[in-house]
Amino acid sequence: VVLSLDGRKETHDRMRVAPGGCGSYDVVAPHVRR
C-alpha cells in the first residue's frame, strides 16, 4: 500500500485539499498512523 501524506500538517494542508478547499491532514494522518 502506498499512502499519500506530505508531512507536517501545514505542508500537507497547503496542497492536499478537499473539494471545498479545506486541508485533509486531520482526516488522513490518523488513518495512516493506525
Full PDB file with SEQRES, HELIX, SHEET, SSBOND, CRYST1, ORIGX, SCALE, CONECT and MASTER records, all heavy atoms in Angstrom:
SEQRES   1 A   34  VAL VAL LEU SER LEU ASP GLY ARG LYS GLU THR HIS ASP          
SEQRES   2 A   34  ARG MET ARG VAL ALA PRO GLY GLY CYS GLY SER TYR ASP          
SEQRES   3 A   34  VAL VAL ALA PRO HIS VAL ARG ARG                              
HELIX    1 AA1 LYS A    9  MET A   15  1                                   7    
HELIX    2 AA2 TYR A   25  ARG A   33  1                                   9    
CRYST1    1.000    1.000    1.000  90.00  90.00  90.00 P 1           1          
ORIGX1      1.000000  0.000000  0.000000        0.00000                         
ORIGX2      0.000000  1.000000  0.000000        0.00000                         
ORIGX3      0.000000  0.000000  1.000000        0.00000                         
SCALE1      1.000000  0.000000  0.000000        0.00000                         
SCALE2      0.000000  1.000000  0.000000        0.00000                         
SCALE3      0.000000  0.000000  1.000000        0.00000                         
ATOM      1  N   VAL A   1       0.838  -1.188   0.000  1.00  0.00           N  
ATOM      2  CA  VAL A   1       0.000   0.000   0.000  1.00  0.00           C  
ATOM      3  C   VAL A   1       0.879   1.246   0.000  1.00  0.00           C  
ATOM      4  O   VAL A   1       1.824   1.354   0.787  1.00  0.00           O  
ATOM      5  CB  VAL A   1      -0.940   0.020   1.222  1.00  0.00           C  
ATOM      6  CG1 VAL A   1      -1.855   1.241   1.178  1.00  0.00           C  
ATOM      7  CG2 VAL A   1      -1.773  -1.258   1.265  1.00  0.00           C  
ATOM      8  N   VAL A   2       0.577   2.173  -0.917  1.00  0.00           N  
ATOM      9  CA  VAL A   2       1.260   3.465  -0.978  1.00  0.00           C  
ATOM     10  C   VAL A   2       0.282   4.511  -0.460  1.00  0.00           C  
ATOM     11  O   VAL A   2      -0.809   4.685  -1.011  1.00  0.00           O  
ATOM     12  CB  VAL A   2       1.703   3.803  -2.415  1.00  0.00           C  
ATOM     13  CG1 VAL A   2       2.432   5.145  -2.437  1.00  0.00           C  
ATOM     14  CG2 VAL A   2       2.589   2.695  -2.978  1.00  0.00           C  
ATOM     15  N   LEU A   3       0.666   5.176   0.634  1.00  0.00           N  
ATOM     16  CA  LEU A   3      -0.199   6.123   1.325  1.00  0.00           C  
ATOM     17  C   LEU A   3       0.318   7.534   1.128  1.00  0.00           C  
ATOM     18  O   LEU A   3       1.494   7.809   1.368  1.00  0.00           O  
ATOM     19  CB  LEU A   3      -0.231   5.797   2.828  1.00  0.00           C  
ATOM     20  CG  LEU A   3      -0.619   4.362   3.181  1.00  0.00           C  
ATOM     21  CD1 LEU A   3       0.279   3.821   4.272  1.00  0.00           C  
ATOM     22  CD2 LEU A   3      -2.064   4.291   3.612  1.00  0.00           C  
ATOM     23  N   SER A   4      -0.546   8.440   0.694  1.00  0.00           N  
ATOM     24  CA  SER A   4      -0.127   9.809   0.410  1.00  0.00           C  
ATOM     25  C   SER A   4      -0.291  10.690   1.647  1.00  0.00           C  
ATOM     26  O   SER A   4      -1.408  10.923   2.108  1.00  0.00           O  
ATOM     27  CB  SER A   4      -0.946  10.380  -0.750  1.00  0.00           C  
ATOM     28  OG  SER A   4      -0.705   9.654  -1.933  1.00  0.00           O  
ATOM     29  N   LEU A   5       0.832  11.145   2.166  1.00  0.00           N  
ATOM     30  CA  LEU A   5       0.840  12.079   3.295  1.00  0.00           C  
ATOM     31  C   LEU A   5       2.108  12.908   3.159  1.00  0.00           C  
ATOM     32  O   LEU A   5       3.209  12.366   3.128  1.00  0.00           O  
ATOM     33  CB  LEU A   5       0.825  11.328   4.629  1.00  0.00           C  
ATOM     34  CG  LEU A   5       0.808  12.159   5.913  1.00  0.00           C  
ATOM     35  CD1 LEU A   5      -0.423  13.057   5.981  1.00  0.00           C  
ATOM     36  CD2 LEU A   5       0.875  11.256   7.145  1.00  0.00           C  
ATOM     37  N   ASP A   6       1.979  14.218   3.056  1.00  0.00           N  
ATOM     38  CA  ASP A   6       3.111  15.062   2.682  1.00  0.00           C  
ATOM     39  C   ASP A   6       4.024  15.447   3.838  1.00  0.00           C  
ATOM     40  O   ASP A   6       5.085  16.031   3.604  1.00  0.00           O  
ATOM     41  CB  ASP A   6       2.620  16.339   1.991  1.00  0.00           C  
ATOM     42  CG  ASP A   6       2.217  16.083   0.545  1.00  0.00           C  
ATOM     43  OD1 ASP A   6       2.438  14.953   0.056  1.00  0.00           O  
ATOM     44  OD2 ASP A   6       1.679  17.005  -0.101  1.00  0.00           O  
ATOM     45  N   GLY A   7       3.626  15.159   5.064  1.00  0.00           N  
ATOM     46  CA  GLY A   7       4.485  15.515   6.198  1.00  0.00           C  
ATOM     47  C   GLY A   7       3.726  16.314   7.231  1.00  0.00           C  
ATOM     48  O   GLY A   7       2.618  15.943   7.643  1.00  0.00           O  
ATOM     49  N   ARG A   8       4.309  17.426   7.663  1.00  0.00           N  
ATOM     50  CA  ARG A   8       3.692  18.273   8.686  1.00  0.00           C  
ATOM     51  C   ARG A   8       2.314  18.761   8.226  1.00  0.00           C  
ATOM     52  O   ARG A   8       2.047  18.875   7.034  1.00  0.00           O  
ATOM     53  CB  ARG A   8       4.599  19.473   8.969  1.00  0.00           C  
ATOM     54  CG  ARG A   8       5.949  19.104   9.556  1.00  0.00           C  
ATOM     55  CD  ARG A   8       6.940  20.251   9.418  1.00  0.00           C  
ATOM     56  NE  ARG A   8       7.306  20.492   8.018  1.00  0.00           N  
ATOM     57  CZ  ARG A   8       8.136  21.441   7.625  1.00  0.00           C  
ATOM     58  NH1 ARG A   8       8.694  22.260   8.516  1.00  0.00           N  
ATOM     59  NH2 ARG A   8       8.417  21.589   6.345  1.00  0.00           N  
ATOM     60  N   LYS A   9       1.469  19.063   9.197  1.00  0.00           N  
ATOM     61  CA  LYS A   9       0.103  19.479   8.887  1.00  0.00           C  
ATOM     62  C   LYS A   9       0.084  20.674   7.936  1.00  0.00           C  
ATOM     63  O   LYS A   9      -0.667  20.684   6.951  1.00  0.00           O  
ATOM     64  CB  LYS A   9      -0.644  19.824  10.185  1.00  0.00           C  
ATOM     65  CG  LYS A   9      -2.063  20.371   9.960  1.00  0.00           C  
ATOM     66  CD  LYS A   9      -2.765  20.628  11.285  1.00  0.00           C  
ATOM     67  CE  LYS A   9      -4.043  21.421  11.097  1.00  0.00           C  
ATOM     68  NZ  LYS A   9      -5.034  20.739  10.225  1.00  0.00           N  
ATOM     69  N   GLU A  10       0.915  21.684   8.190  1.00  0.00           N  
ATOM     70  CA  GLU A  10       0.886  22.871   7.342  1.00  0.00           C  
ATOM     71  C   GLU A  10       1.361  22.555   5.917  1.00  0.00           C  
ATOM     72  O   GLU A  10       0.870  23.132   4.936  1.00  0.00           O  
ATOM     73  CB  GLU A  10       1.723  24.002   7.932  1.00  0.00           C  
ATOM     74  CG  GLU A  10       3.202  23.702   8.128  1.00  0.00           C  
ATOM     75  CD  GLU A  10       3.530  23.096   9.484  1.00  0.00           C  
ATOM     76  OE1 GLU A  10       2.639  22.458  10.099  1.00  0.00           O  
ATOM     77  OE2 GLU A  10       4.685  23.253   9.933  1.00  0.00           O  
ATOM     78  N   THR A  11       2.299  21.611   5.803  1.00  0.00           N  
ATOM     79  CA  THR A  11       2.763  21.196   4.475  1.00  0.00           C  
ATOM     80  C   THR A  11       1.665  20.449   3.726  1.00  0.00           C  
ATOM     81  O   THR A  11       1.353  20.745   2.567  1.00  0.00           O  
ATOM     82  CB  THR A  11       4.007  20.299   4.599  1.00  0.00           C  
ATOM     83  OG1 THR A  11       5.074  21.041   5.199  1.00  0.00           O  
ATOM     84  CG2 THR A  11       4.463  19.802   3.237  1.00  0.00           C  
ATOM     85  N   HIS A  12       1.096  19.460   4.385  1.00  0.00           N  
ATOM     86  CA  HIS A  12       0.064  18.639   3.754  1.00  0.00           C  
ATOM     87  C   HIS A  12      -1.155  19.470   3.364  1.00  0.00           C  
ATOM     88  O   HIS A  12      -1.653  19.374   2.241  1.00  0.00           O  
ATOM     89  CB  HIS A  12      -0.347  17.523   4.729  1.00  0.00           C  
ATOM     90  CG  HIS A  12      -1.332  16.553   4.164  1.00  0.00           C  
ATOM     91  ND1 HIS A  12      -0.957  15.399   3.519  1.00  0.00           N  
ATOM     92  CD2 HIS A  12      -2.688  16.575   4.138  1.00  0.00           C  
ATOM     93  CE1 HIS A  12      -2.032  14.741   3.124  1.00  0.00           C  
ATOM     94  NE2 HIS A  12      -3.107  15.429   3.484  1.00  0.00           N  
ATOM     95  N   ASP A  13      -1.619  20.302   4.277  1.00  0.00           N  
ATOM     96  CA  ASP A  13      -2.855  21.051   4.038  1.00  0.00           C  
ATOM     97  C   ASP A  13      -2.687  22.161   3.004  1.00  0.00           C  
ATOM     98  O   ASP A  13      -3.680  22.648   2.454  1.00  0.00           O  
ATOM     99  CB  ASP A  13      -3.377  21.646   5.353  1.00  0.00           C  
ATOM    100  CG  ASP A  13      -4.061  20.602   6.226  1.00  0.00           C  
ATOM    101  OD1 ASP A  13      -4.306  19.484   5.732  1.00  0.00           O  
ATOM    102  OD2 ASP A  13      -4.342  20.906   7.407  1.00  0.00           O  
ATOM    103  N   ARG A  14      -1.460  22.548   2.735  1.00  0.00           N  
ATOM    104  CA  ARG A  14      -1.229  23.587   1.734  1.00  0.00           C  
ATOM    105  C   ARG A  14      -1.622  23.095   0.336  1.00  0.00           C  
ATOM    106  O   ARG A  14      -2.128  23.872  -0.483  1.00  0.00           O  
ATOM    107  CB  ARG A  14       0.244  24.006   1.743  1.00  0.00           C  
ATOM    108  CG  ARG A  14       0.581  25.150   0.785  1.00  0.00           C  
ATOM    109  CD  ARG A  14       2.061  25.479   0.824  1.00  0.00           C  
ATOM    110  NE  ARG A  14       2.491  25.975   2.120  1.00  0.00           N  
ATOM    111  CZ  ARG A  14       3.332  25.336   2.933  1.00  0.00           C  
ATOM    112  NH1 ARG A  14       3.828  24.150   2.581  1.00  0.00           N  
ATOM    113  NH2 ARG A  14       3.669  25.851   4.098  1.00  0.00           N  
ATOM    114  N   MET A  15      -1.396  21.815   0.054  1.00  0.00           N  
ATOM    115  CA  MET A  15      -1.594  21.305  -1.304  1.00  0.00           C  
ATOM    116  C   MET A  15      -2.683  20.244  -1.407  1.00  0.00           C  
ATOM    117  O   MET A  15      -3.335  20.132  -2.440  1.00  0.00           O  
ATOM    118  CB  MET A  15      -0.281  20.716  -1.837  1.00  0.00           C  
ATOM    119  CG  MET A  15       0.905  21.676  -1.858  1.00  0.00           C  
ATOM    120  SD  MET A  15       0.638  23.143  -2.873  1.00  0.00           S  
ATOM    121  CE  MET A  15       0.647  22.446  -4.505  1.00  0.00           C  
ATOM    122  N   ARG A  16      -2.870  19.461  -0.371  1.00  0.00           N  
ATOM    123  CA  ARG A  16      -3.787  18.312  -0.442  1.00  0.00           C  
ATOM    124  C   ARG A  16      -5.106  18.689   0.219  1.00  0.00           C  
ATOM    125  O   ARG A  16      -5.308  18.448   1.409  1.00  0.00           O  
ATOM    126  CB  ARG A  16      -3.159  17.076   0.189  1.00  0.00           C  
ATOM    127  CG  ARG A  16      -1.851  16.670  -0.508  1.00  0.00           C  
ATOM    128  CD  ARG A  16      -1.323  15.346  -0.027  1.00  0.00           C  
ATOM    129  NE  ARG A  16      -2.202  14.248  -0.397  1.00  0.00           N  
ATOM    130  CZ  ARG A  16      -2.225  13.644  -1.591  1.00  0.00           C  
ATOM    131  NH1 ARG A  16      -1.404  14.046  -2.559  1.00  0.00           N  
ATOM    132  NH2 ARG A  16      -3.066  12.667  -1.833  1.00  0.00           N  
ATOM    133  N   VAL A  17      -5.992  19.270  -0.583  1.00  0.00           N  
ATOM    134  CA  VAL A  17      -7.226  19.852  -0.052  1.00  0.00           C  
ATOM    135  C   VAL A  17      -8.452  19.109  -0.573  1.00  0.00           C  
ATOM    136  O   VAL A  17      -8.427  18.468  -1.623  1.00  0.00           O  
ATOM    137  CB  VAL A  17      -7.335  21.353  -0.415  1.00  0.00           C  
ATOM    138  CG1 VAL A  17      -6.167  22.133   0.184  1.00  0.00           C  
ATOM    139  CG2 VAL A  17      -7.372  21.545  -1.932  1.00  0.00           C  
ATOM    140  N   ALA A  18      -9.541  19.229   0.178  1.00  0.00           N  
ATOM    141  CA  ALA A  18     -10.832  18.676  -0.223  1.00  0.00           C  
ATOM    142  C   ALA A  18     -11.464  19.581  -1.278  1.00  0.00           C  
ATOM    143  O   ALA A  18     -11.011  20.711  -1.484  1.00  0.00           O  
ATOM    144  CB  ALA A  18     -11.732  18.557   1.005  1.00  0.00           C  
ATOM    145  N   PRO A  19     -12.526  19.128  -1.948  1.00  0.00           N  
ATOM    146  CA  PRO A  19     -13.178  19.973  -2.966  1.00  0.00           C  
ATOM    147  C   PRO A  19     -13.580  21.354  -2.461  1.00  0.00           C  
ATOM    148  O   PRO A  19     -13.577  22.323  -3.221  1.00  0.00           O  
ATOM    149  CB  PRO A  19     -14.396  19.141  -3.372  1.00  0.00           C  
ATOM    150  CG  PRO A  19     -13.949  17.731  -3.188  1.00  0.00           C  
ATOM    151  CD  PRO A  19     -13.087  17.764  -1.954  1.00  0.00           C  
ATOM    152  N   GLY A  20     -13.897  21.479  -1.173  1.00  0.00           N  
ATOM    153  CA  GLY A  20     -14.271  22.782  -0.632  1.00  0.00           C  
ATOM    154  C   GLY A  20     -13.100  23.666  -0.269  1.00  0.00           C  
ATOM    155  O   GLY A  20     -13.290  24.829   0.117  1.00  0.00           O  
ATOM    156  N   GLY A  21     -11.870  23.122  -0.384  1.00  0.00           N  
ATOM    157  CA  GLY A  21     -10.681  23.926  -0.125  1.00  0.00           C  
ATOM    158  C   GLY A  21     -10.026  23.723   1.224  1.00  0.00           C  
ATOM    159  O   GLY A  21      -8.937  24.245   1.467  1.00  0.00           O  
ATOM    160  N   CYS A  22     -10.650  22.968   2.126  1.00  0.00           N  
ATOM    161  CA  CYS A  22     -10.032  22.758   3.439  1.00  0.00           C  
ATOM    162  C   CYS A  22      -8.993  21.648   3.364  1.00  0.00           C  
ATOM    163  O   CYS A  22      -9.073  20.745   2.519  1.00  0.00           O  
ATOM    164  CB  CYS A  22     -11.092  22.434   4.483  1.00  0.00           C  
ATOM    165  SG  CYS A  22     -11.991  20.915   4.161  1.00  0.00           S  
ATOM    166  N   GLY A  23      -8.007  21.692   4.262  1.00  0.00           N  
ATOM    167  CA  GLY A  23      -6.943  20.698   4.280  1.00  0.00           C  
ATOM    168  C   GLY A  23      -7.453  19.336   4.717  1.00  0.00           C  
ATOM    169  O   GLY A  23      -8.495  19.214   5.374  1.00  0.00           O  
ATOM    170  N   SER A  24      -6.702  18.293   4.379  1.00  0.00           N  
ATOM    171  CA  SER A  24      -7.137  16.921   4.663  1.00  0.00           C  
ATOM    172  C   SER A  24      -6.299  16.218   5.726  1.00  0.00           C  
ATOM    173  O   SER A  24      -6.548  15.052   6.040  1.00  0.00           O  
ATOM    174  CB  SER A  24      -7.110  16.100   3.366  1.00  0.00           C  
ATOM    175  OG  SER A  24      -5.798  16.081   2.794  1.00  0.00           O  
ATOM    176  N   TYR A  25      -5.314  16.910   6.314  1.00  0.00           N  
ATOM    177  CA  TYR A  25      -4.397  16.251   7.251  1.00  0.00           C  
ATOM    178  C   TYR A  25      -5.142  15.624   8.420  1.00  0.00           C  
ATOM    179  O   TYR A  25      -4.858  14.478   8.795  1.00  0.00           O  
ATOM    180  CB  TYR A  25      -3.366  17.255   7.778  1.00  0.00           C  
ATOM    181  CG  TYR A  25      -2.371  16.657   8.754  1.00  0.00           C  
ATOM    182  CD1 TYR A  25      -1.155  16.145   8.312  1.00  0.00           C  
ATOM    183  CD2 TYR A  25      -2.639  16.601  10.126  1.00  0.00           C  
ATOM    184  CE1 TYR A  25      -0.240  15.584   9.195  1.00  0.00           C  
ATOM    185  CE2 TYR A  25      -1.735  16.049  11.022  1.00  0.00           C  
ATOM    186  CZ  TYR A  25      -0.542  15.537  10.552  1.00  0.00           C  
ATOM    187  OH  TYR A  25       0.357  14.983  11.430  1.00  0.00           O  
ATOM    188  N   ASP A  26      -6.090  16.325   8.996  1.00  0.00           N  
ATOM    189  CA  ASP A  26      -6.753  15.836  10.207  1.00  0.00           C  
ATOM    190  C   ASP A  26      -7.578  14.582   9.950  1.00  0.00           C  
ATOM    191  O   ASP A  26      -7.879  13.827  10.881  1.00  0.00           O  
ATOM    192  CB  ASP A  26      -7.640  16.930  10.809  1.00  0.00           C  
ATOM    193  CG  ASP A  26      -6.835  18.064  11.420  1.00  0.00           C  
ATOM    194  OD1 ASP A  26      -5.648  17.834  11.748  1.00  0.00           O  
ATOM    195  OD2 ASP A  26      -7.378  19.176  11.557  1.00  0.00           O  
ATOM    196  N   VAL A  27      -7.943  14.346   8.696  1.00  0.00           N  
ATOM    197  CA  VAL A  27      -8.624  13.102   8.330  1.00  0.00           C  
ATOM    198  C   VAL A  27      -7.613  12.020   7.983  1.00  0.00           C  
ATOM    199  O   VAL A  27      -7.708  10.867   8.434  1.00  0.00           O  
ATOM    200  CB  VAL A  27      -9.576  13.340   7.138  1.00  0.00           C  
ATOM    201  CG1 VAL A  27     -10.156  12.021   6.640  1.00  0.00           C  
ATOM    202  CG2 VAL A  27     -10.688  14.297   7.523  1.00  0.00           C  
ATOM    203  N   VAL A  28      -6.628  12.385   7.181  1.00  0.00           N  
ATOM    204  CA  VAL A  28      -5.702  11.402   6.619  1.00  0.00           C  
ATOM    205  C   VAL A  28      -4.697  10.885   7.648  1.00  0.00           C  
ATOM    206  O   VAL A  28      -4.463   9.664   7.749  1.00  0.00           O  
ATOM    207  CB  VAL A  28      -4.959  12.019   5.413  1.00  0.00           C  
ATOM    208  CG1 VAL A  28      -3.798  11.135   4.972  1.00  0.00           C  
ATOM    209  CG2 VAL A  28      -5.927  12.253   4.261  1.00  0.00           C  
ATOM    210  N   ALA A  29      -4.077  11.772   8.413  1.00  0.00           N  
ATOM    211  CA  ALA A  29      -2.986  11.361   9.306  1.00  0.00           C  
ATOM    212  C   ALA A  29      -3.407  10.285  10.305  1.00  0.00           C  
ATOM    213  O   ALA A  29      -2.668   9.305  10.494  1.00  0.00           O  
ATOM    214  CB  ALA A  29      -2.411  12.579  10.023  1.00  0.00           C  
ATOM    215  N   PRO A  30      -4.569  10.398  10.968  1.00  0.00           N  
ATOM    216  CA  PRO A  30      -4.962   9.315  11.879  1.00  0.00           C  
ATOM    217  C   PRO A  30      -5.149   7.981  11.173  1.00  0.00           C  
ATOM    218  O   PRO A  30      -4.812   6.924  11.720  1.00  0.00           O  
ATOM    219  CB  PRO A  30      -6.288   9.828  12.476  1.00  0.00           C  
ATOM    220  CG  PRO A  30      -6.225  11.308  12.343  1.00  0.00           C  
ATOM    221  CD  PRO A  30      -5.503  11.541  11.049  1.00  0.00           C  
ATOM    222  N   HIS A  31      -5.691   8.014   9.941  1.00  0.00           N  
ATOM    223  CA  HIS A  31      -5.845   6.776   9.184  1.00  0.00           C  
ATOM    224  C   HIS A  31      -4.484   6.151   8.864  1.00  0.00           C  
ATOM    225  O   HIS A  31      -4.308   4.934   8.978  1.00  0.00           O  
ATOM    226  CB  HIS A  31      -6.601   7.045   7.888  1.00  0.00           C  
ATOM    227  CG  HIS A  31      -8.043   7.368   8.077  1.00  0.00           C  
ATOM    228  ND1 HIS A  31      -8.878   7.707   7.022  1.00  0.00           N  
ATOM    229  CD2 HIS A  31      -8.823   7.406   9.186  1.00  0.00           C  
ATOM    230  CE1 HIS A  31     -10.094   7.936   7.476  1.00  0.00           C  
ATOM    231  NE2 HIS A  31     -10.075   7.774   8.791  1.00  0.00           N  
ATOM    232  N   VAL A  32      -3.541   6.979   8.455  1.00  0.00           N  
ATOM    233  CA  VAL A  32      -2.205   6.479   8.128  1.00  0.00           C  
ATOM    234  C   VAL A  32      -1.535   5.918   9.375  1.00  0.00           C  
ATOM    235  O   VAL A  32      -0.954   4.817   9.338  1.00  0.00           O  
ATOM    236  CB  VAL A  32      -1.355   7.595   7.489  1.00  0.00           C  
ATOM    237  CG1 VAL A  32       0.105   7.154   7.367  1.00  0.00           C  
ATOM    238  CG2 VAL A  32      -1.905   7.980   6.122  1.00  0.00           C  
ATOM    239  N   ARG A  33      -1.602   6.645  10.473  1.00  0.00           N  
ATOM    240  CA  ARG A  33      -0.952   6.171  11.709  1.00  0.00           C  
ATOM    241  C   ARG A  33      -1.514   4.829  12.143  1.00  0.00           C  
ATOM    242  O   ARG A  33      -0.764   3.909  12.507  1.00  0.00           O  
ATOM    243  CB  ARG A  33      -1.136   7.202  12.825  1.00  0.00           C  
ATOM    244  CG  ARG A  33      -0.412   8.501  12.592  1.00  0.00           C  
ATOM    245  CD  ARG A  33      -0.576   9.465  13.747  1.00  0.00           C  
ATOM    246  NE  ARG A  33       0.150   9.009  14.946  1.00  0.00           N  
ATOM    247  CZ  ARG A  33       0.412   9.786  15.970  1.00  0.00           C  
ATOM    248  NH1 ARG A  33       0.024  11.053  15.974  1.00  0.00           N  
ATOM    249  NH2 ARG A  33       1.069   9.321  17.010  1.00  0.00           N  
ATOM    250  N   ARG A  34      -2.831   4.710  12.132  1.00  0.00           N  
ATOM    251  CA  ARG A  34      -3.454   3.455  12.564  1.00  0.00           C  
ATOM    252  C   ARG A  34      -3.071   2.314  11.626  1.00  0.00           C  
ATOM    253  O   ARG A  34      -2.815   1.186  12.071  1.00  0.00           O  
ATOM    254  CB  ARG A  34      -4.969   3.639  12.624  1.00  0.00           C  
ATOM    255  CG  ARG A  34      -5.719   2.456  13.222  1.00  0.00           C  
ATOM    256  CD  ARG A  34      -7.136   2.815  13.597  1.00  0.00           C  
ATOM    257  NE  ARG A  34      -7.911   3.282  12.459  1.00  0.00           N  
ATOM    258  CZ  ARG A  34      -8.327   4.534  12.309  1.00  0.00           C  
ATOM    259  NH1 ARG A  34      -8.020   5.456  13.227  1.00  0.00           N  
ATOM    260  NH2 ARG A  34      -9.043   4.880  11.248  1.00  0.00           N  
TER     261      ARG A  34                                                      
MASTER        0    0    0    2    0    0    0    6  260    1    0    3          
END                                                                             
